[in-house]
PDB file of N, CA and C in Angstrom:
ATOM      1  N   MET A   1     158.106-100.469-129.924  1.00  0.00           N
ATOM      2  CA  MET A   1     157.649 -99.604-131.000  1.00  0.00           C
ATOM      3  C   MET A   1     156.139 -99.429-130.886  1.00  0.00           C
ATOM      4  N   GLU A   2     155.706 -98.197-131.007  1.00  0.00           N
ATOM      5  CA  GLU A   2     154.298 -97.869-130.850  1.00  0.00           C
ATOM      6  C   GLU A   2     153.517 -98.159-132.136  1.00  0.00           C
ATOM      7  N   LYS A   3     152.345 -98.734-131.978  1.00  0.00           N
ATOM      8  CA  LYS A   3     151.493 -99.034-133.132  1.00  0.00           C
ATOM      9  C   LYS A   3     150.609 -97.822-133.423  1.00  0.00           C
ATOM     10  N   ILE A   4     150.639 -97.370-134.673  1.00  0.00           N
ATOM     11  CA  ILE A   4     149.804 -96.250-135.106  1.00  0.00           C
ATOM     12  C   ILE A   4     148.567 -96.836-135.768  1.00  0.00           C
ATOM     13  N   LEU A   5     147.408 -96.377-135.339  1.00  0.00           N
ATOM     14  CA  LEU A   5     146.147 -96.970-135.768  1.00  0.00           C
ATOM     15  C   LEU A   5     145.560 -96.361-137.038  1.00  0.00           C
ATOM     16  N   THR A   6     146.355 -95.616-137.780  1.00  0.00           N
ATOM     17  CA  THR A   6     145.899 -95.021-139.029  1.00  0.00           C
ATOM     18  C   THR A   6     147.096 -94.836-139.956  1.00  0.00           C
ATOM     19  N   ASN A   7     146.817 -94.667-141.240  1.00  0.00           N
ATOM     20  CA  ASN A   7     147.881 -94.466-142.222  1.00  0.00           C
ATOM     21  C   ASN A   7     148.238 -92.995-142.402  1.00  0.00           C
ATOM     22  N   ARG A   8     147.452 -92.113-141.836  1.00  0.00           N
ATOM     23  CA  ARG A   8     147.684 -90.679-141.998  1.00  0.00           C
ATOM     24  C   ARG A   8     148.148 -90.089-140.680  1.00  0.00           C
ATOM     25  N   PHE A   9     149.014 -89.091-140.758  1.00  0.00           N
ATOM     26  CA  PHE A   9     149.481 -88.445-139.541  1.00  0.00           C
ATOM     27  C   PHE A   9     149.804 -86.985-139.812  1.00  0.00           C
ATOM     28  N   ALA A  10     149.833 -86.194-138.727  1.00  0.00           N
ATOM     29  CA  ALA A  10     150.172 -84.775-138.794  1.00  0.00           C
ATOM     30  C   ALA A  10     150.955 -84.423-137.536  1.00  0.00           C
ATOM     31  N   SER A  11     151.825 -83.445-137.658  1.00  0.00           N
ATOM     32  CA  SER A  11     152.606 -82.999-136.505  1.00  0.00           C
ATOM     33  C   SER A  11     151.871 -81.859-135.795  1.00  0.00           C
ATOM     34  N   LEU A  12     152.330 -81.555-134.591  1.00  0.00           N
ATOM     35  CA  LEU A  12     151.753 -80.420-133.869  1.00  0.00           C
ATOM     36  C   LEU A  12     151.962 -79.125-134.643  1.00  0.00           C
ATOM     37  N   THR A  13     153.085 -79.022-135.339  1.00  0.00           N
ATOM     38  CA  THR A  13     153.369 -77.835-136.142  1.00  0.00           C
ATOM     39  C   THR A  13     152.317 -77.664-137.238  1.00  0.00           C
ATOM     40  N   GLU A  14     151.925 -78.783-137.861  1.00  0.00           N
ATOM     41  CA  GLU A  14     150.910 -78.721-138.922  1.00  0.00           C
ATOM     42  C   GLU A  14     149.556 -78.284-138.373  1.00  0.00           C
ATOM     43  N   LEU A  15     149.317 -78.495-137.084  1.00  0.00           N
ATOM     44  CA  LEU A  15     148.033 -78.092-136.492  1.00  0.00           C
ATOM     45  C   LEU A  15     147.902 -76.584-136.337  1.00  0.00           C
ATOM     46  N   ARG A  16     148.968 -75.857-136.652  1.00  0.00           N
ATOM     47  CA  ARG A  16     148.857 -74.395-136.674  1.00  0.00           C
ATOM     48  C   ARG A  16     147.890 -73.952-137.761  1.00  0.00           C
ATOM     49  N   GLU A  17     147.754 -74.800-138.779  1.00  0.00           N
ATOM     50  CA  GLU A  17     146.797 -74.558-139.855  1.00  0.00           C
ATOM     51  C   GLU A  17     145.815 -75.726-139.877  1.00  0.00           C
ATOM     52  N   PRO A  18     144.851 -75.729-138.943  1.00  0.00           N
ATOM     53  CA  PRO A  18     143.958 -76.884-138.797  1.00  0.00           C
ATOM     54  C   PRO A  18     143.120 -77.185-140.035  1.00  0.00           C
ATOM     55  N   ASN A  19     142.797 -76.162-140.830  1.00  0.00           N
ATOM     56  CA  ASN A  19     142.000 -76.416-142.039  1.00  0.00           C
ATOM     57  C   ASN A  19     142.728 -77.345-143.006  1.00  0.00           C
ATOM     58  N   LYS A  20     144.039 -77.204-143.113  1.00  0.00           N
ATOM     59  CA  LYS A  20     144.810 -78.079-143.996  1.00  0.00           C
ATOM     60  C   LYS A  20     144.799 -79.516-143.471  1.00  0.00           C
ATOM     61  N   VAL A  21     144.903 -79.665-142.148  1.00  0.00           N
ATOM     62  CA  VAL A  21     144.881 -81.005-141.551  1.00  0.00           C
ATOM     63  C   VAL A  21     143.524 -81.658-141.784  1.00  0.00           C
ATOM     64  N   ILE A  22     142.464 -80.891-141.592  1.00  0.00           N
ATOM     65  CA  ILE A  22     141.106 -81.411-141.807  1.00  0.00           C
ATOM     66  C   ILE A  22     140.920 -81.787-143.269  1.00  0.00           C
ATOM     67  N   GLU A  23     141.419 -80.965-144.167  1.00  0.00           N
ATOM     68  CA  GLU A  23     141.329 -81.249-145.605  1.00  0.00           C
ATOM     69  C   GLU A  23     142.119 -82.513-145.953  1.00  0.00           C
ATOM     70  N   GLN A  24     143.301 -82.662-145.360  1.00  0.00           N
ATOM     71  CA  GLN A  24     144.136 -83.834-145.592  1.00  0.00           C
ATOM     72  C   GLN A  24     143.448 -85.101-145.074  1.00  0.00           C
ATOM     73  N   ALA A  25     142.711 -84.974-143.996  1.00  0.00           N
ATOM     74  CA  ALA A  25     142.061 -86.137-143.383  1.00  0.00           C
ATOM     75  C   ALA A  25     141.005 -86.747-144.278  1.00  0.00           C
ATOM     76  N   GLY A  26     140.299 -85.905-145.008  1.00  0.00           N
ATOM     77  CA  GLY A  26     139.189 -86.439-145.797  1.00  0.00           C
ATOM     78  C   GLY A  26     138.181 -87.052-144.845  1.00  0.00           C
ATOM     79  N   GLU A  27     137.980 -88.346-144.961  1.00  0.00           N
ATOM     80  CA  GLU A  27     137.040 -89.046-144.076  1.00  0.00           C
ATOM     81  C   GLU A  27     137.755 -90.062-143.194  1.00  0.00           C
ATOM     82  N   GLU A  28     139.073 -89.931-143.043  1.00  0.00           N
ATOM     83  CA  GLU A  28     139.841 -90.896-142.264  1.00  0.00           C
ATOM     84  C   GLU A  28     140.469 -90.241-141.045  1.00  0.00           C
ATOM     85  N   PRO A  29     140.687 -91.010-139.981  1.00  0.00           N
ATOM     86  CA  PRO A  29     141.363 -90.470-138.797  1.00  0.00           C
ATOM     87  C   PRO A  29     142.822 -90.120-139.102  1.00  0.00           C
ATOM     88  N   ILE A  30     143.364 -89.158-138.353  1.00  0.00           N
ATOM     89  CA  ILE A  30     144.762 -88.760-138.484  1.00  0.00           C
ATOM     90  C   ILE A  30     145.415 -88.861-137.107  1.00  0.00           C
ATOM     91  N   ALA A  31     146.593 -89.472-137.046  1.00  0.00           N
ATOM     92  CA  ALA A  31     147.364 -89.531-135.810  1.00  0.00           C
ATOM     93  C   ALA A  31     148.094 -88.200-135.650  1.00  0.00           C
ATOM     94  N   ILE A  32     148.010 -87.609-134.460  1.00  0.00           N
ATOM     95  CA  ILE A  32     148.720 -86.374-134.171  1.00  0.00           C
ATOM     96  C   ILE A  32     150.014 -86.767-133.458  1.00  0.00           C
ATOM     97  N   MET A  33     151.143 -86.348-134.051  1.00  0.00           N
ATOM     98  CA  MET A  33     152.458 -86.760-133.580  1.00  0.00           C
ATOM     99  C   MET A  33     153.194 -85.596-132.910  1.00  0.00           C
ATOM    100  N   ASN A  34     153.970 -85.938-131.884  1.00  0.00           N
ATOM    101  CA  ASN A  34     154.880 -84.987-131.257  1.00  0.00           C
ATOM    102  C   ASN A  34     156.185 -85.727-131.008  1.00  0.00           C
ATOM    103  N   ARG A  35     157.238 -85.304-131.694  1.00  0.00           N
ATOM    104  CA  ARG A  35     158.556 -85.952-131.588  1.00  0.00           C
ATOM    105  C   ARG A  35     158.464 -87.458-131.827  1.00  0.00           C
ATOM    106  N   ASN A  36     157.816 -87.807-132.908  1.00  0.00           N
ATOM    107  CA  ASN A  36     157.692 -89.198-133.366  1.00  0.00           C
ATOM    108  C   ASN A  36     156.895 -90.101-132.428  1.00  0.00           C
ATOM    109  N   SER A  37     156.073 -89.521-131.574  1.00  0.00           N
ATOM    110  CA  SER A  37     155.185 -90.294-130.720  1.00  0.00           C
ATOM    111  C   SER A  37     153.755 -89.814-130.927  1.00  0.00           C
ATOM    112  N   VAL A  38     152.834 -90.744-130.950  1.00  0.00           N
ATOM    113  CA  VAL A  38     151.419 -90.378-131.097  1.00  0.00           C
ATOM    114  C   VAL A  38     150.939 -89.776-129.779  1.00  0.00           C
ATOM    115  N   ILE A  39     150.344 -88.592-129.859  1.00  0.00           N
ATOM    116  CA  ILE A  39     149.788 -87.965-128.660  1.00  0.00           C
ATOM    117  C   ILE A  39     148.267 -87.935-128.712  1.00  0.00           C
ATOM    118  N   GLY A  40     147.704 -88.296-129.862  1.00  0.00           N
ATOM    119  CA  GLY A  40     146.250 -88.319-129.990  1.00  0.00           C
ATOM    120  C   GLY A  40     145.845 -88.584-131.418  1.00  0.00           C
ATOM    121  N   TYR A  41     144.545 -88.622-131.617  1.00  0.00           N
ATOM    122  CA  TYR A  41     143.995 -88.849-132.945  1.00  0.00           C
ATOM    123  C   TYR A  41     142.939 -87.799-133.238  1.00  0.00           C
ATOM    124  N   PHE A  42     142.928 -87.332-134.463  1.00  0.00           N
ATOM    125  CA  PHE A  42     141.862 -86.469-134.959  1.00  0.00           C
ATOM    126  C   PHE A  42     140.945 -87.351-135.786  1.00  0.00           C
ATOM    127  N   VAL A  43     139.691 -87.445-135.379  1.00  0.00           N
ATOM    128  CA  VAL A  43     138.733 -88.291-136.093  1.00  0.00           C
ATOM    129  C   VAL A  43     137.630 -87.403-136.648  1.00  0.00           C
ATOM    130  N   PRO A  44     137.595 -87.222-137.974  1.00  0.00           N
ATOM    131  CA  PRO A  44     136.564 -86.387-138.579  1.00  0.00           C
ATOM    132  C   PRO A  44     135.166 -86.982-138.370  1.00  0.00           C
ATOM    133  N   LYS A  45     134.203 -86.122-138.355  1.00  0.00           N
ATOM    134  CA  LYS A  45     132.816 -86.540-138.158  1.00  0.00           C
ATOM    135  C   LYS A  45     132.406 -87.587-139.188  1.00  0.00           C
ATOM    136  N   ALA A  46     132.872 -87.440-140.408  1.00  0.00           N
ATOM    137  CA  ALA A  46     132.506 -88.373-141.479  1.00  0.00           C
ATOM    138  C   ALA A  46     133.051 -89.781-141.230  1.00  0.00           C
ATOM    139  N   ALA A  47     134.097 -89.903-140.399  1.00  0.00           N
ATOM    140  CA  ALA A  47     134.700 -91.213-140.133  1.00  0.00           C
ATOM    141  C   ALA A  47     133.921 -92.013-139.094  1.00  0.00           C
ATOM    142  N   VAL A  48     133.011 -91.352-138.394  1.00  0.00           N
ATOM    143  CA  VAL A  48     132.247 -92.018-137.344  1.00  0.00           C
ATOM    144  C   VAL A  48     130.861 -92.340-137.877  1.00  0.00           C
ATOM    145  N   ASP A  49     130.518 -93.617-137.826  1.00  0.00           N
ATOM    146  CA  ASP A  49     129.207 -94.053-138.302  1.00  0.00           C
ATOM    147  C   ASP A  49     128.220 -94.015-137.148  1.00  0.00           C
ATOM    148  N   ILE A  50     127.598 -92.862-136.950  1.00  0.00           N
ATOM    149  CA  ILE A  50     126.676 -92.692-135.828  1.00  0.00           C
ATOM    150  C   ILE A  50     125.442 -93.574-135.993  1.00  0.00           C
ATOM    151  N   ASP A  51     124.965 -93.726-137.210  1.00  0.00           N
ATOM    152  CA  ASP A  51     123.753 -94.509-137.444  1.00  0.00           C
ATOM    153  C   ASP A  51     123.969 -96.001-137.205  1.00  0.00           C
ATOM    154  N   GLY A  52     125.208 -96.466-137.260  1.00  0.00           N
ATOM    155  CA  GLY A  52     125.495 -97.880-137.087  1.00  0.00           C
ATOM    156  C   GLY A  52     125.539 -98.317-135.630  1.00  0.00           C
ATOM    157  N   HIS A  53     125.487 -97.369-134.706  1.00  0.00           N
ATOM    158  CA  HIS A  53     125.563 -97.695-133.283  1.00  0.00           C
ATOM    159  C   HIS A  53     124.159 -97.698-132.679  1.00  0.00           C
ATOM    160  N   THR A  54     123.974 -98.595-131.746  1.00  0.00           N
ATOM    161  CA  THR A  54     122.711 -98.612-131.009  1.00  0.00           C
ATOM    162  C   THR A  54     123.021 -98.573-129.520  1.00  0.00           C
ATOM    163  N   THR A  55     122.096 -98.087-128.766  1.00  0.00           N
ATOM    164  CA  THR A  55     122.258 -98.007-127.327  1.00  0.00           C
ATOM    165  C   THR A  55     121.784 -99.306-126.705  1.00  0.00           C
ATOM    166  N   ALA A  56     122.595 -99.852-125.823  1.00  0.00           N
ATOM    167  CA  ALA A  56     122.232-101.097-125.145  1.00  0.00           C
ATOM    168  C   ALA A  56     121.219-100.789-124.049  1.00  0.00           C
ATOM    169  N   THR A  57     120.242-101.663-123.929  1.00  0.00           N
ATOM    170  CA  THR A  57     119.268-101.531-122.852  1.00  0.00           C
ATOM    171  C   THR A  57     119.812-102.233-121.617  1.00  0.00           C
ATOM    172  N   VAL A  58     119.162-102.032-120.497  1.00  0.00           N
ATOM    173  CA  VAL A  58     119.567-102.683-119.257  1.00  0.00           C
ATOM    174  C   VAL A  58     119.480-104.199-119.426  1.00  0.00           C
ATOM    175  N   THR A  59     118.466-104.658-120.126  1.00  0.00           N
ATOM    176  CA  THR A  59     118.289-106.092-120.373  1.00  0.00           C
ATOM    177  C   THR A  59     119.453-106.639-121.199  1.00  0.00           C
ATOM    178  N   ASP A  60     119.883-105.896-122.213  1.00  0.00           N
ATOM    179  CA  ASP A  60     121.020-106.310-123.038  1.00  0.00           C
ATOM    180  C   ASP A  60     122.287-106.446-122.200  1.00  0.00           C
ATOM    181  N   VAL A  61     122.541-105.456-121.349  1.00  0.00           N
ATOM    182  CA  VAL A  61     123.745-105.468-120.519  1.00  0.00           C
ATOM    183  C   VAL A  61     123.708-106.643-119.545  1.00  0.00           C
ATOM    184  N   LYS A  62     122.562-106.867-118.911  1.00  0.00           N
ATOM    185  CA  LYS A  62     122.438-107.992-117.971  1.00  0.00           C
ATOM    186  C   LYS A  62     122.651-109.320-118.680  1.00  0.00           C
ATOM    187  N   SER A  63     122.145-109.442-119.885  1.00  0.00           N
ATOM    188  CA  SER A  63     122.299-110.666-120.655  1.00  0.00           C
ATOM    189  C   SER A  63     123.772-110.923-120.984  1.00  0.00           C
ATOM    190  N   ILE A  64     124.461-109.904-121.408  1.00  0.00           N
ATOM    191  CA  ILE A  64     125.884-110.039-121.751  1.00  0.00           C
ATOM    192  C   ILE A  64     126.701-110.369-120.501  1.00  0.00           C
ATOM    193  N   LEU A  65     126.396-109.697-119.388  1.00  0.00           N
ATOM    194  CA  LEU A  65     127.120-109.983-118.154  1.00  0.00           C
ATOM    195  C   LEU A  65     126.891-111.416-117.684  1.00  0.00           C
ATOM    196  N   ALA A  66     125.672-111.905-117.858  1.00  0.00           N
ATOM    197  CA  ALA A  66     125.380-113.289-117.479  1.00  0.00           C
ATOM    198  C   ALA A  66     126.194-114.261-118.332  1.00  0.00           C
ATOM    199  N   GLN A  67     126.339-113.965-119.606  1.00  0.00           N
ATOM    200  CA  GLN A  67     127.118-114.814-120.504  1.00  0.00           C
ATOM    201  C   GLN A  67     128.605-114.781-120.138  1.00  0.00           C
ATOM    202  N   ARG A  68     129.099-113.642-119.690  1.00  0.00           N
ATOM    203  CA  ARG A  68     130.523-113.460-119.385  1.00  0.00           C
ATOM    204  C   ARG A  68     130.886-113.858-117.961  1.00  0.00           C
ATOM    205  N   LYS A  69     129.893-114.179-117.140  1.00  0.00           N
ATOM    206  CA  LYS A  69     130.134-114.456-115.730  1.00  0.00           C
ATOM    207  C   LYS A  69     131.148-115.585-115.527  1.00  0.00           C
ATOM    208  N   ALA A  70     131.038-116.648-116.299  1.00  0.00           N
ATOM    209  CA  ALA A  70     131.961-117.777-116.158  1.00  0.00           C
ATOM    210  C   ALA A  70     133.390-117.371-116.511  1.00  0.00           C
ATOM    211  N   VAL A  71     133.543-116.519-117.496  1.00  0.00           N
ATOM    212  CA  VAL A  71     134.874-116.066-117.912  1.00  0.00           C
ATOM    213  C   VAL A  71     135.468-115.132-116.856  1.00  0.00           C
ATOM    214  N   MET A  72     134.614-114.316-116.237  1.00  0.00           N
ATOM    215  CA  MET A  72     135.083-113.328-115.265  1.00  0.00           C
ATOM    216  C   MET A  72     135.288-113.920-113.874  1.00  0.00           C
ATOM    217  N   ALA A  73     134.744-115.089-113.591  1.00  0.00           N
ATOM    218  CA  ALA A  73     134.812-115.670-112.245  1.00  0.00           C
ATOM    219  C   ALA A  73     136.240-115.797-111.720  1.00  0.00           C
ATOM    220  N   PRO A  74     137.190-116.347-112.473  1.00  0.00           N
ATOM    221  CA  PRO A  74     138.562-116.447-111.939  1.00  0.00           C
ATOM    222  C   PRO A  74     139.177-115.078-111.625  1.00  0.00           C
ATOM    223  N   VAL A  75     138.891-114.102-112.433  1.00  0.00           N
ATOM    224  CA  VAL A  75     139.425-112.752-112.207  1.00  0.00           C
ATOM    225  C   VAL A  75     138.810-112.166-110.946  1.00  0.00           C
ATOM    226  N   ASN A  76     137.495-112.311-110.800  1.00  0.00           N
ATOM    227  CA  ASN A  76     136.825-111.801-109.606  1.00  0.00           C
ATOM    228  C   ASN A  76     137.352-112.482-108.350  1.00  0.00           C
ATOM    229  N   GLU A  77     137.577-113.764-108.421  1.00  0.00           N
ATOM    230  CA  GLU A  77     138.115-114.522-107.281  1.00  0.00           C
ATOM    231  C   GLU A  77     139.517-114.013-106.924  1.00  0.00           C
ATOM    232  N   TYR A  78     140.331-113.778-107.923  1.00  0.00           N
ATOM    233  CA  TYR A  78     141.687-113.266-107.697  1.00  0.00           C
ATOM    234  C   TYR A  78     141.657-111.870-107.055  1.00  0.00           C
ATOM    235  N   LEU A  79     140.726-111.028-107.508  1.00  0.00           N
ATOM    236  CA  LEU A  79     140.686-109.652-107.036  1.00  0.00           C
ATOM    237  C   LEU A  79     140.039-109.482-105.656  1.00  0.00           C
ATOM    238  N   LYS A  80     139.402-110.517-105.134  1.00  0.00           N
ATOM    239  CA  LYS A  80     138.719-110.402-103.842  1.00  0.00           C
ATOM    240  C   LYS A  80     139.649-109.941-102.724  1.00  0.00           C
ATOM    241  N   ASP A  81     140.859-110.468-102.696  1.00  0.00           N
ATOM    242  CA  ASP A  81     141.778-110.140-101.603  1.00  0.00           C
ATOM    243  C   ASP A  81     142.754-109.012-101.948  1.00  0.00           C
ATOM    244  N   LYS A  82     142.551-108.326-103.019  1.00  0.00           N
ATOM    245  CA  LYS A  82     143.473-107.250-103.431  1.00  0.00           C
ATOM    246  C   LYS A  82     143.028-105.916-102.904  1.00  0.00           C
TER     247      LYS A  82
END
């Protein structure tokens, strides 16, 4: 069974009138369904907190990779001969 990541959903048929779908969404994401399967998500601009995100610097990425190196070592060792 597929997990739906939102409480709201719309069918492809409902997307014929996108304004109604957008109005129904409010500030929450909507799962787009086709024959009872999720084919995508509509995420309104209001649902994305752009101000809450920051861009990682090269130093930040190197620091995180250094911290994760011990965890990734067994995986890297396994993948060497693949």
